[in-house]
């Protein structure tokens, strides 16, 4: 082979080496991204579950607050009736 043929072959070898190095780096990056993606998916799933739990707890607290409000209304009604009865008793002067 002539020198130009060897020089061309060396250039081709260098290009192939650079391409192989690039492919190895890209594969490593791909693996890192896939691992990070799996971790993020797991975190999202955990957040979704936690969000559902918090939503359920919020619903429970809302119901409790409504019950407390109903209880307070009933209590006020009873208080008003007792005050009314006491007023009537005082009017009888027993």
PDB file of N, CA and C in Angstrom:
ATOM      1  N   UNK A   1       0.828  -1.193   0.000  1.00  0.00           N
ATOM      2  CA  UNK A   1       0.000   0.000   0.000  1.00  0.00           C
ATOM      3  C   UNK A   1       0.864   1.245   0.000  1.00  0.00           C
ATOM      4  N   UNK A   2       0.330   2.262  -0.587  1.00  0.00           N
ATOM      5  CA  UNK A   2       1.067   3.518  -0.608  1.00  0.00           C
ATOM      6  C   UNK A   2       0.853   4.266   0.688  1.00  0.00           C
ATOM      7  N   UNK A   3       1.625   5.315   0.866  1.00  0.00           N
ATOM      8  CA  UNK A   3       1.517   6.116   2.092  1.00  0.00           C
ATOM      9  C   UNK A   3       0.168   6.797   2.186  1.00  0.00           C
ATOM     10  N   UNK A   4      -0.373   7.226   1.072  1.00  0.00           N
ATOM     11  CA  UNK A   4      -1.687   7.876   1.102  1.00  0.00           C
ATOM     12  C   UNK A   4      -2.759   6.870   1.472  1.00  0.00           C
ATOM     13  N   UNK A   5      -2.580   5.642   1.045  1.00  0.00           N
ATOM     14  CA  UNK A   5      -3.522   4.577   1.412  1.00  0.00           C
ATOM     15  C   UNK A   5      -3.466   4.296   2.907  1.00  0.00           C
ATOM     16  N   UNK A   6      -2.239   4.292   3.472  1.00  0.00           N
ATOM     17  CA  UNK A   6      -2.079   4.075   4.912  1.00  0.00           C
ATOM     18  C   UNK A   6      -2.620   5.250   5.702  1.00  0.00           C
ATOM     19  N   UNK A   7      -2.392   6.442   5.205  1.00  0.00           N
ATOM     20  CA  UNK A   7      -2.899   7.636   5.894  1.00  0.00           C
ATOM     21  C   UNK A   7      -4.415   7.624   5.901  1.00  0.00           C
ATOM     22  N   UNK A   8      -5.000   7.224   4.781  1.00  0.00           N
ATOM     23  CA  UNK A   8      -6.467   7.138   4.712  1.00  0.00           C
ATOM     24  C   UNK A   8      -6.994   6.082   5.663  1.00  0.00           C
ATOM     25  N   UNK A   9      -6.290   4.969   5.744  1.00  0.00           N
ATOM     26  CA  UNK A   9      -6.678   3.882   6.642  1.00  0.00           C
ATOM     27  C   UNK A   9      -6.562   4.328   8.099  1.00  0.00           C
ATOM     28  N   UNK A  10      -5.517   5.068   8.422  1.00  0.00           N
ATOM     29  CA  UNK A  10      -5.343   5.583   9.785  1.00  0.00           C
ATOM     30  C   UNK A  10      -6.450   6.577  10.134  1.00  0.00           C
ATOM     31  N   UNK A  11      -6.830   7.415   9.176  1.00  0.00           N
ATOM     32  CA  UNK A  11      -7.917   8.368   9.418  1.00  0.00           C
ATOM     33  C   UNK A  11      -9.235   7.622   9.652  1.00  0.00           C
ATOM     34  N   UNK A  12      -9.452   6.583   8.840  1.00  0.00           N
ATOM     35  CA  UNK A  12     -10.660   5.782   9.005  1.00  0.00           C
ATOM     36  C   UNK A  12     -10.666   5.107  10.372  1.00  0.00           C
ATOM     37  N   UNK A  13      -9.528   4.577  10.778  1.00  0.00           N
ATOM     38  CA  UNK A  13      -9.419   3.935  12.088  1.00  0.00           C
ATOM     39  C   UNK A  13      -9.707   4.932  13.206  1.00  0.00           C
ATOM     40  N   UNK A  14      -9.177   6.140  13.066  1.00  0.00           N
ATOM     41  CA  UNK A  14      -9.402   7.185  14.066  1.00  0.00           C
ATOM     42  C   UNK A  14     -10.887   7.548  14.147  1.00  0.00           C
ATOM     43  N   UNK A  15     -11.542   7.669  13.003  1.00  0.00           N
ATOM     44  CA  UNK A  15     -12.970   7.982  12.975  1.00  0.00           C
ATOM     45  C   UNK A  15     -13.787   6.868  13.625  1.00  0.00           C
ATOM     46  N   UNK A  16     -13.427   5.635  13.332  1.00  0.00           N
ATOM     47  CA  UNK A  16     -14.133   4.489  13.918  1.00  0.00           C
ATOM     48  C   UNK A  16     -13.935   4.467  15.435  1.00  0.00           C
ATOM     49  N   UNK A  17     -12.725   4.752  15.891  1.00  0.00           N
ATOM     50  CA  UNK A  17     -12.441   4.793  17.329  1.00  0.00           C
ATOM     51  C   UNK A  17     -13.265   5.878  18.006  1.00  0.00           C
ATOM     52  N   UNK A  18     -13.320   7.072  17.379  1.00  0.00           N
ATOM     53  CA  UNK A  18     -14.116   8.169  17.952  1.00  0.00           C
ATOM     54  C   UNK A  18     -15.603   7.809  17.971  1.00  0.00           C
ATOM     55  N   UNK A  19     -16.066   7.160  16.912  1.00  0.00           N
ATOM     56  CA  UNK A  19     -17.471   6.756  16.846  1.00  0.00           C
ATOM     57  C   UNK A  19     -17.780   5.728  17.938  1.00  0.00           C
ATOM     58  N   UNK A  20     -16.880   4.782  18.139  1.00  0.00           N
ATOM     59  CA  UNK A  20     -17.081   3.759  19.171  1.00  0.00           C
ATOM     60  C   UNK A  20     -17.100   4.399  20.562  1.00  0.00           C
ATOM     61  N   UNK A  21     -16.200   5.358  20.782  1.00  0.00           N
ATOM     62  CA  UNK A  21     -16.162   6.069  22.060  1.00  0.00           C
ATOM     63  C   UNK A  21     -17.457   6.843  22.285  1.00  0.00           C
ATOM     64  N   UNK A  22     -17.927   7.502  21.236  1.00  0.00           N
ATOM     65  CA  UNK A  22     -19.179   8.253  21.316  1.00  0.00           C
ATOM     66  C   UNK A  22     -20.352   7.323  21.626  1.00  0.00           C
ATOM     67  N   UNK A  23     -20.397   6.182  20.966  1.00  0.00           N
ATOM     68  CA  UNK A  23     -21.468   5.203  21.202  1.00  0.00           C
ATOM     69  C   UNK A  23     -21.439   4.716  22.643  1.00  0.00           C
ATOM     70  N   UNK A  24     -20.260   4.427  23.168  1.00  0.00           N
ATOM     71  CA  UNK A  24     -20.135   3.981  24.566  1.00  0.00           C
ATOM     72  C   UNK A  24     -20.637   5.057  25.524  1.00  0.00           C
ATOM     73  N   UNK A  25     -20.259   6.314  25.268  1.00  0.00           N
ATOM     74  CA  UNK A  25     -20.695   7.420  26.127  1.00  0.00           C
ATOM     75  C   UNK A  25     -22.212   7.586  26.060  1.00  0.00           C
ATOM     76  N   UNK A  26     -22.754   7.509  24.854  1.00  0.00           N
ATOM     77  CA  UNK A  26     -24.204   7.655  24.696  1.00  0.00           C
ATOM     78  C   UNK A  26     -24.966   6.522  25.382  1.00  0.00           C
ATOM     79  N   UNK A  27     -24.436   5.303  25.305  1.00  0.00           N
ATOM     80  CA  UNK A  27     -25.068   4.165  25.999  1.00  0.00           C
ATOM     81  C   UNK A  27     -25.051   4.377  27.511  1.00  0.00           C
ATOM     82  N   UNK A  28     -23.935   4.866  28.022  1.00  0.00           N
ATOM     83  CA  UNK A  28     -23.836   5.129  29.465  1.00  0.00           C
ATOM     84  C   UNK A  28     -24.833   6.208  29.878  1.00  0.00           C
ATOM     85  N   UNK A  29     -24.930   7.263  29.082  1.00  0.00           N
ATOM     86  CA  UNK A  29     -25.888   8.326  29.371  1.00  0.00           C
ATOM     87  C   UNK A  29     -27.319   7.788  29.313  1.00  0.00           C
ATOM     88  N   UNK A  30     -27.586   6.957  28.329  1.00  0.00           N
ATOM     89  CA  UNK A  30     -28.924   6.359  28.196  1.00  0.00           C
ATOM     90  C   UNK A  30     -29.263   5.550  29.446  1.00  0.00           C
ATOM     91  N   UNK A  31     -28.311   4.754  29.907  1.00  0.00           N
ATOM     92  CA  UNK A  31     -28.543   3.956  31.118  1.00  0.00           C
ATOM     93  C   UNK A  31     -28.790   4.846  32.327  1.00  0.00           C
ATOM     94  N   UNK A  32     -28.032   5.935  32.440  1.00  0.00           N
ATOM     95  CA  UNK A  32     -28.239   6.875  33.546  1.00  0.00           C
ATOM     96  C   UNK A  32     -29.629   7.501  33.476  1.00  0.00           C
ATOM     97  N   UNK A  33     -30.032   7.895  32.270  1.00  0.00           N
ATOM     98  CA  UNK A  33     -31.358   8.495  32.101  1.00  0.00           C
ATOM     99  C   UNK A  33     -32.472   7.496  32.416  1.00  0.00           C
ATOM    100  N   UNK A  34     -32.286   6.251  31.996  1.00  0.00           N
ATOM    101  CA  UNK A  34     -33.294   5.227  32.283  1.00  0.00           C
ATOM    102  C   UNK A  34     -33.405   4.988  33.786  1.00  0.00           C
ATOM    103  N   UNK A  35     -32.278   4.958  34.472  1.00  0.00           N
ATOM    104  CA  UNK A  35     -32.289   4.784  35.923  1.00  0.00           C
ATOM    105  C   UNK A  35     -32.970   5.976  36.597  1.00  0.00           C
ATOM    106  N   UNK A  36     -32.614   7.169  36.176  1.00  0.00           N
ATOM    107  CA  UNK A  36     -33.228   8.373  36.745  1.00  0.00           C
ATOM    108  C   UNK A  36     -34.722   8.392  36.449  1.00  0.00           C
ATOM    109  N   UNK A  37     -35.105   7.970  35.258  1.00  0.00           N
ATOM    110  CA  UNK A  37     -36.511   7.931  34.875  1.00  0.00           C
ATOM    111  C   UNK A  37     -37.291   6.966  35.768  1.00  0.00           C
ATOM    112  N   UNK A  38     -36.718   5.801  36.053  1.00  0.00           N
ATOM    113  CA  UNK A  38     -37.370   4.830  36.932  1.00  0.00           C
ATOM    114  C   UNK A  38     -37.545   5.418  38.339  1.00  0.00           C
ATOM    115  N   UNK A  39     -36.510   6.086  38.822  1.00  0.00           N
ATOM    116  CA  UNK A  39     -36.582   6.692  40.148  1.00  0.00           C
ATOM    117  C   UNK A  39     -37.662   7.775  40.193  1.00  0.00           C
ATOM    118  N   UNK A  40     -37.729   8.592  39.151  1.00  0.00           N
ATOM    119  CA  UNK A  40     -38.741   9.650  39.100  1.00  0.00           C
ATOM    120  C   UNK A  40     -40.149   9.064  39.012  1.00  0.00           C
ATOM    121  N   UNK A  41     -40.314   7.993  38.251  1.00  0.00           N
ATOM    122  CA  UNK A  41     -41.620   7.341  38.160  1.00  0.00           C
ATOM    123  C   UNK A  41     -42.046   6.810  39.530  1.00  0.00           C
ATOM    124  N   UNK A  42     -41.098   6.228  40.261  1.00  0.00           N
ATOM    125  CA  UNK A  42     -41.406   5.712  41.597  1.00  0.00           C
ATOM    126  C   UNK A  42     -41.794   6.864  42.527  1.00  0.00           C
ATOM    127  N   UNK A  43     -41.081   7.979  42.444  1.00  0.00           N
ATOM    128  CA  UNK A  43     -41.407   9.138  43.279  1.00  0.00           C
ATOM    129  C   UNK A  43     -42.778   9.680  42.930  1.00  0.00           C
ATOM    130  N   UNK A  44     -43.089   9.756  41.639  1.00  0.00           N
ATOM    131  CA  UNK A  44     -44.403  10.234  41.214  1.00  0.00           C
ATOM    132  C   UNK A  44     -45.494   9.313  41.750  1.00  0.00           C
ATOM    133  N   UNK A  45     -45.283   8.028  41.663  1.00  0.00           N
ATOM    134  CA  UNK A  45     -46.266   7.060  42.171  1.00  0.00           C
ATOM    135  C   UNK A  45     -46.470   7.245  43.674  1.00  0.00           C
ATOM    136  N   UNK A  46     -45.377   7.431  44.410  1.00  0.00           N
ATOM    137  CA  UNK A  46     -45.481   7.650  45.852  1.00  0.00           C
ATOM    138  C   UNK A  46     -46.227   8.947  46.154  1.00  0.00           C
ATOM    139  N   UNK A  47     -45.951   9.985  45.376  1.00  0.00           N
ATOM    140  CA  UNK A  47     -46.653  11.257  45.572  1.00  0.00           C
ATOM    141  C   UNK A  47     -48.133  11.115  45.243  1.00  0.00           C
ATOM    142  N   UNK A  48     -48.449  10.340  44.220  1.00  0.00           N
ATOM    143  CA  UNK A  48     -49.842  10.111  43.850  1.00  0.00           C
ATOM    144  C   UNK A  48     -50.572   9.405  44.986  1.00  0.00           C
ATOM    145  N   UNK A  49     -49.949   8.379  45.542  1.00  0.00           N
ATOM    146  CA  UNK A  49     -50.552   7.647  46.655  1.00  0.00           C
ATOM    147  C   UNK A  49     -50.719   8.575  47.854  1.00  0.00           C
ATOM    148  N   UNK A  50     -49.696   9.354  48.156  1.00  0.00           N
ATOM    149  CA  UNK A  50     -49.753  10.288  49.283  1.00  0.00           C
ATOM    150  C   UNK A  50     -50.853  11.330  49.063  1.00  0.00           C
ATOM    151  N   UNK A  51     -50.983  11.783  47.830  1.00  0.00           N
ATOM    152  CA  UNK A  51     -52.025  12.753  47.497  1.00  0.00           C
ATOM    153  C   UNK A  51     -53.410  12.149  47.726  1.00  0.00           C
ATOM    154  N   UNK A  52     -53.592  10.892  47.330  1.00  0.00           N
ATOM    155  CA  UNK A  52     -54.877  10.222  47.549  1.00  0.00           C
ATOM    156  C   UNK A  52     -55.174  10.111  49.048  1.00  0.00           C
ATOM    157  N   UNK A  53     -54.157   9.783  49.835  1.00  0.00           N
ATOM    158  CA  UNK A  53     -54.333   9.685  51.279  1.00  0.00           C
ATOM    159  C   UNK A  53     -54.721  11.033  51.875  1.00  0.00           C
ATOM    160  N   UNK A  54     -54.053  12.092  51.422  1.00  0.00           N
ATOM    161  CA  UNK A  54     -54.355  13.431  51.922  1.00  0.00           C
ATOM    162  C   UNK A  54     -55.760  13.870  51.500  1.00  0.00           C
ATOM    163  N   UNK A  55     -56.158  13.521  50.294  1.00  0.00           N
ATOM    164  CA  UNK A  55     -57.505  13.856  49.827  1.00  0.00           C
ATOM    165  C   UNK A  55     -58.549  13.147  50.679  1.00  0.00           C
ATOM    166  N   UNK A  56     -58.307  11.889  50.976  1.00  0.00           N
ATOM    167  CA  UNK A  56     -59.235  11.132  51.815  1.00  0.00           C
ATOM    168  C   UNK A  56     -59.301  11.743  53.217  1.00  0.00           C
ATOM    169  N   UNK A  57     -58.169  12.109  53.753  1.00  0.00           N
ATOM    170  CA  UNK A  57     -58.132  12.718  55.093  1.00  0.00           C
ATOM    171  C   UNK A  57     -58.866  14.058  55.086  1.00  0.00           C
ATOM    172  N   UNK A  58     -58.691  14.832  54.031  1.00  0.00           N
ATOM    173  CA  UNK A  58     -59.383  16.108  53.907  1.00  0.00           C
ATOM    174  C   UNK A  58     -60.895  15.897  53.888  1.00  0.00           C
ATOM    175  N   UNK A  59     -61.344  14.882  53.158  1.00  0.00           N
ATOM    176  CA  UNK A  59     -62.775  14.567  53.123  1.00  0.00           C
ATOM    177  C   UNK A  59     -63.275  14.196  54.517  1.00  0.00           C
ATOM    178  N   UNK A  60     -62.497  13.405  55.239  1.00  0.00           N
ATOM    179  CA  UNK A  60     -62.882  13.022  56.600  1.00  0.00           C
ATOM    180  C   UNK A  60     -62.979  14.246  57.502  1.00  0.00           C
ATOM    181  N   UNK A  61     -61.993  15.131  57.412  1.00  0.00           N
ATOM    182  CA  UNK A  61     -61.998  16.335  58.242  1.00  0.00           C
ATOM    183  C   UNK A  61     -63.156  17.261  57.882  1.00  0.00           C
ATOM    184  N   UNK A  62     -63.475  17.329  56.598  1.00  0.00           N
ATOM    185  CA  UNK A  62     -64.606  18.147  56.158  1.00  0.00           C
ATOM    186  C   UNK A  62     -65.907  17.603  56.747  1.00  0.00           C
ATOM    187  N   UNK A  63     -66.068  16.280  56.720  1.00  0.00           N
ATOM    188  CA  UNK A  63     -67.265  15.663  57.306  1.00  0.00           C
ATOM    189  C   UNK A  63     -67.322  15.917  58.808  1.00  0.00           C
ATOM    190  N   UNK A  64     -66.171  15.796  59.466  1.00  0.00           N
ATOM    191  CA  UNK A  64     -66.129  16.060  60.910  1.00  0.00           C
ATOM    192  C   UNK A  64     -66.512  17.508  61.209  1.00  0.00           C
ATOM    193  N   UNK A  65     -66.032  18.431  60.391  1.00  0.00           N
ATOM    194  CA  UNK A  65     -66.352  19.837  60.595  1.00  0.00           C
ATOM    195  C   UNK A  65     -67.841  20.077  60.377  1.00  0.00           C
ATOM    196  N   UNK A  66     -68.402  19.436  59.360  1.00  0.00           N
ATOM    197  CA  UNK A  66     -69.840  19.566  59.110  1.00  0.00           C
ATOM    198  C   UNK A  66     -70.633  19.005  60.291  1.00  0.00           C
ATOM    199  N   UNK A  67     -70.194  17.858  60.813  1.00  0.00           N
ATOM    200  CA  UNK A  67     -70.869  17.263  61.973  1.00  0.00           C
ATOM    201  C   UNK A  67     -70.766  18.177  63.186  1.00  0.00           C
ATOM    202  N   UNK A  68     -69.592  18.769  63.365  1.00  0.00           N
ATOM    203  CA  UNK A  68     -69.408  19.686  64.486  1.00  0.00           C
ATOM    204  C   UNK A  68     -70.304  20.911  64.318  1.00  0.00           C
ATOM    205  N   UNK A  69     -70.434  21.370  63.095  1.00  0.00           N
ATOM    206  CA  UNK A  69     -71.294  22.513  62.820  1.00  0.00           C
ATOM    207  C   UNK A  69     -72.749  22.165  63.100  1.00  0.00           C
ATOM    208  N   UNK A  70     -73.162  20.974  62.676  1.00  0.00           N
ATOM    209  CA  UNK A  70     -74.527  20.510  62.956  1.00  0.00           C
ATOM    210  C   UNK A  70     -74.742  20.383  64.462  1.00  0.00           C
ATOM    211  N   UNK A  71     -73.745  19.848  65.143  1.00  0.00           N
ATOM    212  CA  UNK A  71     -73.833  19.698  66.594  1.00  0.00           C
ATOM    213  C   UNK A  71     -73.975  21.062  67.257  1.00  0.00           C
ATOM    214  N   UNK A  72     -73.202  22.035  66.801  1.00  0.00           N
ATOM    215  CA  UNK A  72     -73.249  23.389  67.360  1.00  0.00           C
ATOM    216  C   UNK A  72     -74.624  24.008  67.130  1.00  0.00           C
ATOM    217  N   UNK A  73     -75.205  23.803  65.956  1.00  0.00           N
ATOM    218  CA  UNK A  73     -76.549  24.323  65.675  1.00  0.00           C
ATOM    219  C   UNK A  73     -77.572  23.694  66.621  1.00  0.00           C
ATOM    220  N   UNK A  74     -77.482  22.395  66.783  1.00  0.00           N
ATOM    221  CA  UNK A  74     -78.405  21.684  67.687  1.00  0.00           C
ATOM    222  C   UNK A  74     -78.223  22.188  69.109  1.00  0.00           C
ATOM    223  N   UNK A  75     -76.993  22.373  69.495  1.00  0.00           N
ATOM    224  CA  UNK A  75     -76.695  22.873  70.837  1.00  0.00           C
ATOM    225  C   UNK A  75     -77.303  24.254  71.051  1.00  0.00           C
ATOM    226  N   UNK A  76     -77.167  25.115  70.053  1.00  0.00           N
ATOM    227  CA  UNK A  76     -77.735  26.459  70.148  1.00  0.00           C
ATOM    228  C   UNK A  76     -79.260  26.400  70.222  1.00  0.00           C
ATOM    229  N   UNK A  77     -79.869  25.503  69.466  1.00  0.00           N
ATOM    230  CA  UNK A  77     -81.325  25.342  69.513  1.00  0.00           C
ATOM    231  C   UNK A  77     -81.766  24.894  70.910  1.00  0.00           C
ATOM    232  N   UNK A  78     -81.059  23.937  71.467  1.00  0.00           N
ATOM    233  CA  UNK A  78     -81.393  23.447  72.813  1.00  0.00           C
ATOM    234  C   UNK A  78     -81.211  24.562  73.837  1.00  0.00           C
ATOM    235  N   UNK A  79     -80.139  25.297  73.703  1.00  0.00           N
ATOM    236  CA  UNK A  79     -79.874  26.414  74.612  1.00  0.00           C
ATOM    237  C   UNK A  79     -81.014  27.434  74.545  1.00  0.00           C
ATOM    238  N   UNK A  80     -81.443  27.740  73.319  1.00  0.00           N
ATOM    239  CA  UNK A  80     -82.546  28.694  73.155  1.00  0.00           C
ATOM    240  C   UNK A  80     -83.831  28.195  73.789  1.00  0.00           C
ATOM    241  N   UNK A  81     -84.138  26.924  73.632  1.00  0.00           N
ATOM    242  CA  UNK A  81     -85.355  26.343  74.221  1.00  0.00           C
ATOM    243  C   UNK A  81     -85.280  26.345  75.745  1.00  0.00           C
ATOM    244  N   UNK A  82     -84.110  26.022  76.282  1.00  0.00           N
ATOM    245  CA  UNK A  82     -83.949  26.035  77.746  1.00  0.00           C
ATOM    246  C   UNK A  82     -84.128  27.444  78.279  1.00  0.00           C
ATOM    247  N   UNK A  83     -83.534  28.419  77.591  1.00  0.00           N
ATOM    248  CA  UNK A  83     -83.691  29.814  78.037  1.00  0.00           C
ATOM    249  C   UNK A  83     -85.163  30.230  77.963  1.00  0.00           C
ATOM    250  N   UNK A  84     -85.854  29.780  76.940  1.00  0.00           N
ATOM    251  CA  UNK A  84     -87.272  30.093  76.800  1.00  0.00           C
ATOM    252  C   UNK A  84     -88.082  29.466  77.942  1.00  0.00           C
ATOM    253  N   UNK A  85     -87.769  28.211  78.260  1.00  0.00           N
ATOM    254  CA  UNK A  85     -88.481  27.534  79.353  1.00  0.00           C
ATOM    255  C   UNK A  85     -88.184  28.209  80.694  1.00  0.00           C
ATOM    256  N   UNK A  86     -86.916  28.597  80.898  1.00  0.00           N
ATOM    257  CA  UNK A  86     -86.564  29.281  82.136  1.00  0.00           C
ATOM    258  C   UNK A  86     -87.309  30.610  82.252  1.00  0.00           C
ATOM    259  N   UNK A  87     -87.433  31.291  81.120  1.00  0.00           N
ATOM    260  CA  UNK A  87     -88.190  32.558  81.114  1.00  0.00           C
ATOM    261  C   UNK A  87     -89.640  32.318  81.491  1.00  0.00           C
ATOM    262  N   UNK A  88     -90.235  31.269  81.013  1.00  0.00           N
ATOM    263  CA  UNK A  88     -91.632  30.946  81.339  1.00  0.00           C
ATOM    264  C   UNK A  88     -91.750  30.590  82.816  1.00  0.00           C
ATOM    265  N   UNK A  89     -90.768  29.828  83.330  1.00  0.00           N
ATOM    266  CA  UNK A  89     -90.812  29.447  84.746  1.00  0.00           C
ATOM    267  C   UNK A  89     -90.704  30.706  85.629  1.00  0.00           C
ATOM    268  N   UNK A  90     -89.842  31.615  85.225  1.00  0.00           N
ATOM    269  CA  UNK A  90     -89.696  32.847  86.011  1.00  0.00           C
ATOM    270  C   UNK A  90     -90.997  33.666  85.959  1.00  0.00           C
ATOM    271  N   UNK A  91     -91.701  33.601  84.859  1.00  0.00           N
ATOM    272  CA  UNK A  91     -92.975  34.301  84.739  1.00  0.00           C
ATOM    273  C   UNK A  91     -94.051  33.702  85.612  1.00  0.00           C
ATOM    274  N   UNK A  92     -93.917  32.453  85.946  1.00  0.00           N
ATOM    275  CA  UNK A  92     -94.907  31.795  86.822  1.00  0.00           C
ATOM    276  C   UNK A  92     -94.674  32.147  88.284  1.00  0.00           C
ATOM    277  N   UNK A  93     -93.516  32.592  88.610  1.00  0.00           N
ATOM    278  CA  UNK A  93     -93.133  32.962  89.976  1.00  0.00           C
ATOM    279  C   UNK A  93     -93.385  31.826  90.966  1.00  0.00           C
ATOM    280  N   UNK A  94     -92.784  30.744  90.702  1.00  0.00           N
ATOM    281  CA  UNK A  94     -92.942  29.568  91.587  1.00  0.00           C
ATOM    282  C   UNK A  94     -91.992  29.643  92.735  1.00  0.00           C
TER     283      UNK A  94
END
